[in-house]
């Protein structure tokens, strides 16, 4: 997919602050997991428009 969007692997390091929130059931098993990350900062660091990431997110949620 990266090739289709003219994104070449760069091998560059980046930082992506993230947080995950876990919800557990009465047996201590994970019932739900929600993760949050700073996609705007990521897009800026690798030099792409945030719209590219939003498009990928929309595709992922529609699947």
Protein backbone atom coordinates (compact mmCIF):
# COMPACT_ATOMS: atom_id res chain seq x y z
CA UNK A 1 0.00 0.00 0.00
CA UNK A 2 2.87 2.39 0.74
CA UNK A 3 4.04 2.15 -2.85
CA UNK A 4 0.58 3.07 -4.12
CA UNK A 5 0.77 6.32 -2.13
CA UNK A 6 4.33 7.09 -3.23
CA UNK A 7 5.71 6.44 0.25
CA UNK A 8 9.11 4.88 0.18
CA UNK A 9 10.66 3.22 3.21
CA UNK A 10 13.06 5.70 4.72
CA UNK A 11 14.54 3.84 7.65
CA UNK A 12 14.27 7.04 9.65
CA UNK A 13 13.53 6.99 13.37
CA UNK A 14 10.43 8.74 14.67
CA UNK A 15 8.62 9.24 17.95
CA UNK A 16 4.94 8.51 18.46
CA UNK A 17 3.44 9.22 21.86
CA UNK A 18 0.68 6.71 22.57
CA UNK A 19 -1.59 5.51 25.31
CA UNK A 20 -3.69 2.37 25.64
CA UNK A 21 -6.70 1.88 27.90
CA UNK A 22 -7.67 -1.65 28.87
CA UNK A 23 -11.08 -2.71 30.18
CA UNK A 24 -11.26 -6.03 31.97
CA UNK A 25 -14.13 -8.40 32.63
CA UNK A 26 -14.93 -9.97 36.00
CA UNK A 27 -12.44 -12.77 35.30
CA UNK A 28 -9.57 -10.37 34.73
CA UNK A 29 -9.54 -10.95 30.96
CA UNK A 30 -9.25 -8.06 28.54
CA UNK A 31 -12.74 -7.12 27.44
CA UNK A 32 -11.86 -4.04 25.38
CA UNK A 33 -8.74 -2.19 24.35
CA UNK A 34 -8.58 1.32 23.00
CA UNK A 35 -5.33 2.92 21.86
CA UNK A 36 -4.60 6.55 21.08
CA UNK A 37 -1.57 7.96 19.27
CA UNK A 38 -0.41 11.27 17.85
CA UNK A 39 -0.83 10.68 14.12
CA UNK A 40 -0.37 14.37 13.29
CA UNK A 41 3.12 14.42 14.77
CA UNK A 42 3.93 11.14 13.01
CA UNK A 43 2.83 12.51 9.63
CA UNK A 44 4.91 15.64 10.15
CA UNK A 45 8.00 13.65 11.13
CA UNK A 46 7.89 11.42 8.03
CA UNK A 47 6.90 14.27 5.72
CA UNK A 48 3.39 13.32 4.62
CA UNK A 49 0.06 15.09 4.75
CA UNK A 50 -2.15 14.06 7.69
CA UNK A 51 -4.88 13.37 5.10
CA UNK A 52 -2.97 10.25 4.02
CA UNK A 53 -3.18 8.81 7.54
CA UNK A 54 -6.82 9.80 7.90
CA UNK A 55 -7.59 8.01 4.64
CA UNK A 56 -5.86 4.85 5.90
CA UNK A 57 -7.78 5.07 9.18
CA UNK A 58 -11.08 5.38 7.32
CA UNK A 59 -10.25 2.34 5.22
CA UNK A 60 -9.32 0.33 8.31
CA UNK A 61 -12.54 1.23 10.15
CA UNK A 62 -14.66 0.40 7.10
CA UNK A 63 -13.16 -3.08 6.77
